[in-house]
Amino acid sequence: MATANINVRTDAELKARAQQIFESIGLDLSTAVNLFLKQTVRANNLPFVVGVMFAAATESAAPKRVSRRGVWKGKYSLPENFDAPLDDFKEYM
């Protein structure tokens, strides 16, 4: 397999912190980047969810959670008997 070089500019502190994490799990930066690329190809998308979890806080209000229900709509459903496994434990509650 032929190899290709990728040149990426990033913040020096970010790179150093990421390298520490990768080294702690036995990876070097090149292997971690290749892992990310392989997972991206496998998922045919980013291998993680990107989005805003909280709306920006104003001076007078605390941050509010942003609804993300639409992200999962149609992808997952709960079975009709979702609570059935808990029925066995109701006598102990």
N, C-alpha and C. Protein backbone atom coordinates (compact mmCIF):
# COMPACT_ATOMS: atom_id res chain seq x y z
N MET A 1 0.84 -1.16 0.00
CA MET A 1 0.00 0.00 0.00
C MET A 1 0.90 1.24 0.00
N ALA A 2 0.61 2.16 -0.88
CA ALA A 2 1.35 3.42 -0.95
C ALA A 2 0.93 4.33 0.20
N THR A 3 1.85 5.11 0.70
CA THR A 3 1.52 6.03 1.78
C THR A 3 1.51 7.45 1.26
N ALA A 4 0.84 8.33 1.99
CA ALA A 4 0.76 9.74 1.64
C ALA A 4 1.01 10.55 2.91
N ASN A 5 1.61 11.70 2.76
CA ASN A 5 1.85 12.59 3.89
C ASN A 5 0.71 13.58 4.02
N ILE A 6 0.38 13.91 5.26
CA ILE A 6 -0.61 14.93 5.57
C ILE A 6 0.07 15.97 6.45
N ASN A 7 -0.02 17.21 6.07
CA ASN A 7 0.52 18.30 6.89
C ASN A 7 -0.65 19.06 7.49
N VAL A 8 -0.67 19.14 8.82
CA VAL A 8 -1.76 19.80 9.53
C VAL A 8 -1.17 20.83 10.47
N ARG A 9 -1.75 22.01 10.46
CA ARG A 9 -1.34 23.04 11.42
C ARG A 9 -2.33 23.03 12.58
N THR A 10 -1.79 23.02 13.79
CA THR A 10 -2.63 23.04 14.98
C THR A 10 -1.91 23.77 16.10
N ASP A 11 -2.60 24.09 17.13
CA ASP A 11 -2.05 24.76 18.29
C ASP A 11 -1.04 23.83 18.97
N ALA A 12 0.12 24.36 19.34
CA ALA A 12 1.18 23.54 19.94
C ALA A 12 0.73 22.89 21.25
N GLU A 13 -0.01 23.62 22.07
CA GLU A 13 -0.47 23.06 23.34
C GLU A 13 -1.49 21.95 23.11
N LEU A 14 -2.38 22.13 22.15
CA LEU A 14 -3.36 21.10 21.81
C LEU A 14 -2.65 19.83 21.35
N LYS A 15 -1.66 19.99 20.50
CA LYS A 15 -0.90 18.83 20.01
C LYS A 15 -0.22 18.09 21.17
N ALA A 16 0.42 18.85 22.05
CA ALA A 16 1.14 18.23 23.17
C ALA A 16 0.18 17.49 24.10
N ARG A 17 -0.97 18.09 24.39
CA ARG A 17 -1.95 17.45 25.27
C ARG A 17 -2.52 16.19 24.63
N ALA A 18 -2.81 16.26 23.34
CA ALA A 18 -3.33 15.09 22.63
C ALA A 18 -2.28 13.98 22.61
N GLN A 19 -1.02 14.33 22.36
CA GLN A 19 0.05 13.33 22.33
C GLN A 19 0.18 12.63 23.68
N GLN A 20 0.02 13.37 24.77
CA GLN A 20 0.08 12.76 26.10
C GLN A 20 -1.02 11.71 26.27
N ILE A 21 -2.21 12.04 25.82
CA ILE A 21 -3.33 11.11 25.93
C ILE A 21 -3.08 9.88 25.07
N PHE A 22 -2.65 10.11 23.83
CA PHE A 22 -2.39 8.98 22.93
C PHE A 22 -1.29 8.08 23.49
N GLU A 23 -0.23 8.67 24.01
CA GLU A 23 0.87 7.88 24.57
C GLU A 23 0.39 7.07 25.77
N SER A 24 -0.53 7.62 26.55
CA SER A 24 -1.02 6.90 27.73
C SER A 24 -1.80 5.65 27.35
N ILE A 25 -2.31 5.60 26.12
CA ILE A 25 -3.02 4.41 25.67
C ILE A 25 -2.24 3.64 24.61
N GLY A 26 -0.97 3.98 24.48
CA GLY A 26 -0.08 3.21 23.61
C GLY A 26 -0.10 3.58 22.15
N LEU A 27 -0.52 4.80 21.82
CA LEU A 27 -0.55 5.24 20.42
C LEU A 27 0.38 6.42 20.21
N ASP A 28 0.90 6.52 19.00
CA ASP A 28 1.59 7.75 18.64
C ASP A 28 0.61 8.62 17.83
N LEU A 29 0.98 9.84 17.56
CA LEU A 29 0.09 10.76 16.88
C LEU A 29 -0.31 10.26 15.50
N SER A 30 0.63 9.70 14.76
CA SER A 30 0.35 9.20 13.42
C SER A 30 -0.67 8.07 13.46
N THR A 31 -0.52 7.15 14.39
CA THR A 31 -1.46 6.04 14.52
C THR A 31 -2.84 6.54 14.91
N ALA A 32 -2.90 7.52 15.82
CA ALA A 32 -4.18 8.08 16.24
C ALA A 32 -4.89 8.76 15.07
N VAL A 33 -4.16 9.50 14.26
CA VAL A 33 -4.77 10.16 13.10
C VAL A 33 -5.27 9.11 12.11
N ASN A 34 -4.47 8.07 11.87
CA ASN A 34 -4.91 7.00 10.97
C ASN A 34 -6.15 6.29 11.51
N LEU A 35 -6.22 6.09 12.82
CA LEU A 35 -7.39 5.49 13.43
C LEU A 35 -8.62 6.36 13.19
N PHE A 36 -8.47 7.67 13.37
CA PHE A 36 -9.57 8.59 13.10
C PHE A 36 -10.01 8.50 11.64
N LEU A 37 -9.06 8.49 10.72
CA LEU A 37 -9.41 8.42 9.30
C LEU A 37 -10.11 7.10 8.96
N LYS A 38 -9.63 6.00 9.50
CA LYS A 38 -10.27 4.70 9.23
C LYS A 38 -11.69 4.65 9.77
N GLN A 39 -11.90 5.18 10.97
CA GLN A 39 -13.24 5.20 11.54
C GLN A 39 -14.17 6.12 10.75
N THR A 40 -13.64 7.20 10.21
CA THR A 40 -14.42 8.10 9.37
C THR A 40 -14.88 7.39 8.11
N VAL A 41 -13.97 6.65 7.49
CA VAL A 41 -14.31 5.90 6.28
C VAL A 41 -15.33 4.81 6.60
N ARG A 42 -15.11 4.10 7.71
CA ARG A 42 -16.03 3.02 8.09
C ARG A 42 -17.44 3.56 8.33
N ALA A 43 -17.55 4.71 9.00
CA ALA A 43 -18.86 5.29 9.32
C ALA A 43 -19.43 6.08 8.15
N ASN A 44 -18.58 6.38 7.17
CA ASN A 44 -18.97 7.24 6.06
C ASN A 44 -19.48 8.57 6.59
N ASN A 45 -18.88 9.00 7.69
CA ASN A 45 -19.26 10.22 8.38
C ASN A 45 -18.23 10.46 9.47
N LEU A 46 -18.38 11.54 10.22
CA LEU A 46 -17.51 11.71 11.37
C LEU A 46 -17.81 10.60 12.37
N PRO A 47 -16.81 10.07 13.05
CA PRO A 47 -17.05 8.96 13.98
C PRO A 47 -17.55 9.41 15.35
N PHE A 48 -18.06 10.61 15.43
CA PHE A 48 -18.64 11.13 16.67
C PHE A 48 -19.66 12.20 16.31
N VAL A 49 -20.53 12.52 17.25
CA VAL A 49 -21.58 13.51 17.02
C VAL A 49 -21.01 14.91 17.23
N VAL A 50 -21.26 15.78 16.28
CA VAL A 50 -20.84 17.16 16.39
C VAL A 50 -22.09 18.01 16.54
N GLY A 51 -22.11 18.86 17.54
CA GLY A 51 -23.27 19.72 17.72
C GLY A 51 -23.12 20.54 18.97
N VAL A 52 -24.03 21.46 19.14
CA VAL A 52 -24.04 22.32 20.31
C VAL A 52 -24.95 21.69 21.34
N MET A 53 -24.41 21.39 22.49
CA MET A 53 -25.20 20.77 23.55
C MET A 53 -25.91 21.82 24.40
N PHE A 54 -25.34 23.00 24.56
CA PHE A 54 -25.93 24.03 25.39
C PHE A 54 -25.95 25.34 24.64
N ALA A 55 -27.04 26.07 24.80
CA ALA A 55 -27.13 27.39 24.19
C ALA A 55 -26.20 28.32 24.96
N ALA A 56 -25.73 29.36 24.30
CA ALA A 56 -24.84 30.31 24.94
C ALA A 56 -25.56 31.00 26.09
N ALA A 57 -24.86 31.18 27.19
CA ALA A 57 -25.44 31.83 28.36
C ALA A 57 -25.45 33.34 28.17
N THR A 58 -26.51 33.96 28.61
CA THR A 58 -26.55 35.42 28.62
C THR A 58 -26.17 35.86 30.02
N GLU A 59 -26.02 37.14 30.21
CA GLU A 59 -25.62 37.63 31.53
C GLU A 59 -26.67 37.35 32.59
N SER A 60 -27.95 37.32 32.21
CA SER A 60 -29.01 37.16 33.20
C SER A 60 -29.57 35.75 33.29
N ALA A 61 -29.13 34.86 32.40
CA ALA A 61 -29.73 33.52 32.40
C ALA A 61 -28.66 32.44 32.38
N ALA A 62 -28.97 31.33 33.00
CA ALA A 62 -28.07 30.17 32.98
C ALA A 62 -28.18 29.50 31.61
N PRO A 63 -27.18 28.72 31.22
CA PRO A 63 -27.26 28.01 29.94
C PRO A 63 -28.48 27.08 29.91
N LYS A 64 -29.12 26.99 28.76
CA LYS A 64 -30.26 26.10 28.59
C LYS A 64 -29.86 24.97 27.67
N ARG A 65 -30.35 23.79 27.99
CA ARG A 65 -30.06 22.63 27.16
C ARG A 65 -30.80 22.76 25.83
N VAL A 66 -30.09 22.47 24.76
CA VAL A 66 -30.67 22.52 23.43
C VAL A 66 -31.19 21.14 23.07
N SER A 67 -32.40 21.07 22.59
CA SER A 67 -33.00 19.79 22.24
C SER A 67 -32.26 19.17 21.06
N ARG A 68 -31.96 17.88 21.17
CA ARG A 68 -31.29 17.17 20.08
C ARG A 68 -32.12 15.97 19.66
N ARG A 69 -33.42 15.97 19.97
CA ARG A 69 -34.26 14.83 19.66
C ARG A 69 -34.26 14.51 18.18
N GLY A 70 -34.21 15.51 17.32
CA GLY A 70 -34.27 15.29 15.89
C GLY A 70 -33.11 14.46 15.35
N VAL A 71 -31.98 14.47 16.05
CA VAL A 71 -30.81 13.73 15.60
C VAL A 71 -31.10 12.23 15.54
N TRP A 72 -31.86 11.72 16.50
CA TRP A 72 -32.10 10.28 16.60
C TRP A 72 -33.44 9.85 16.01
N LYS A 73 -34.28 10.79 15.60
CA LYS A 73 -35.61 10.47 15.12
C LYS A 73 -35.55 9.48 13.96
N GLY A 74 -36.27 8.40 14.10
CA GLY A 74 -36.34 7.39 13.05
C GLY A 74 -35.18 6.40 13.06
N LYS A 75 -34.17 6.61 13.88
CA LYS A 75 -33.02 5.72 13.90
C LYS A 75 -33.17 4.65 14.98
N TYR A 76 -33.80 5.01 16.08
CA TYR A 76 -33.95 4.08 17.19
C TYR A 76 -35.39 4.11 17.67
N SER A 77 -35.87 2.98 18.13
CA SER A 77 -37.21 2.93 18.71
C SER A 77 -37.17 2.00 19.91
N LEU A 78 -38.06 2.26 20.85
CA LEU A 78 -38.16 1.43 22.04
C LEU A 78 -39.21 0.36 21.82
N PRO A 79 -38.97 -0.84 22.30
CA PRO A 79 -39.98 -1.89 22.15
C PRO A 79 -41.20 -1.54 22.99
N GLU A 80 -42.34 -2.11 22.62
CA GLU A 80 -43.59 -1.86 23.34
C GLU A 80 -43.47 -2.25 24.81
N ASN A 81 -42.74 -3.32 25.11
CA ASN A 81 -42.61 -3.81 26.47
C ASN A 81 -41.31 -3.34 27.12
N PHE A 82 -40.96 -2.08 26.91
CA PHE A 82 -39.70 -1.53 27.40
C PHE A 82 -39.55 -1.70 28.91
N ASP A 83 -40.63 -1.52 29.66
CA ASP A 83 -40.56 -1.62 31.12
C ASP A 83 -40.68 -3.05 31.63
N ALA A 84 -40.91 -4.01 30.77
CA ALA A 84 -41.12 -5.40 31.18
C ALA A 84 -39.99 -5.92 32.08
N PRO A 85 -38.71 -5.67 31.80
CA PRO A 85 -37.67 -6.19 32.68
C PRO A 85 -37.78 -5.66 34.11
N LEU A 86 -38.39 -4.49 34.31
CA LEU A 86 -38.53 -3.93 35.65
C LEU A 86 -39.67 -4.57 36.42
N ASP A 87 -40.61 -5.21 35.73
CA ASP A 87 -41.75 -5.82 36.40
C ASP A 87 -41.31 -6.83 37.45
N ASP A 88 -40.24 -7.55 37.19
CA ASP A 88 -39.75 -8.54 38.14
C ASP A 88 -39.26 -7.92 39.44
N PHE A 89 -38.87 -6.64 39.40
CA PHE A 89 -38.31 -5.99 40.57
C PHE A 89 -39.30 -5.10 41.32
N LYS A 90 -40.50 -4.93 40.79
CA LYS A 90 -41.48 -4.04 41.42
C LYS A 90 -41.83 -4.48 42.83
N GLU A 91 -41.83 -5.78 43.10
CA GLU A 91 -42.17 -6.26 44.42
C GLU A 91 -41.13 -5.85 45.46
N TYR A 92 -39.90 -5.51 45.01
CA TYR A 92 -38.84 -5.10 45.92
C TYR A 92 -38.82 -3.60 46.13
N MET A 93 -39.56 -2.86 45.35
CA MET A 93 -39.56 -1.39 45.44
C MET A 93 -40.56 -0.89 46.43
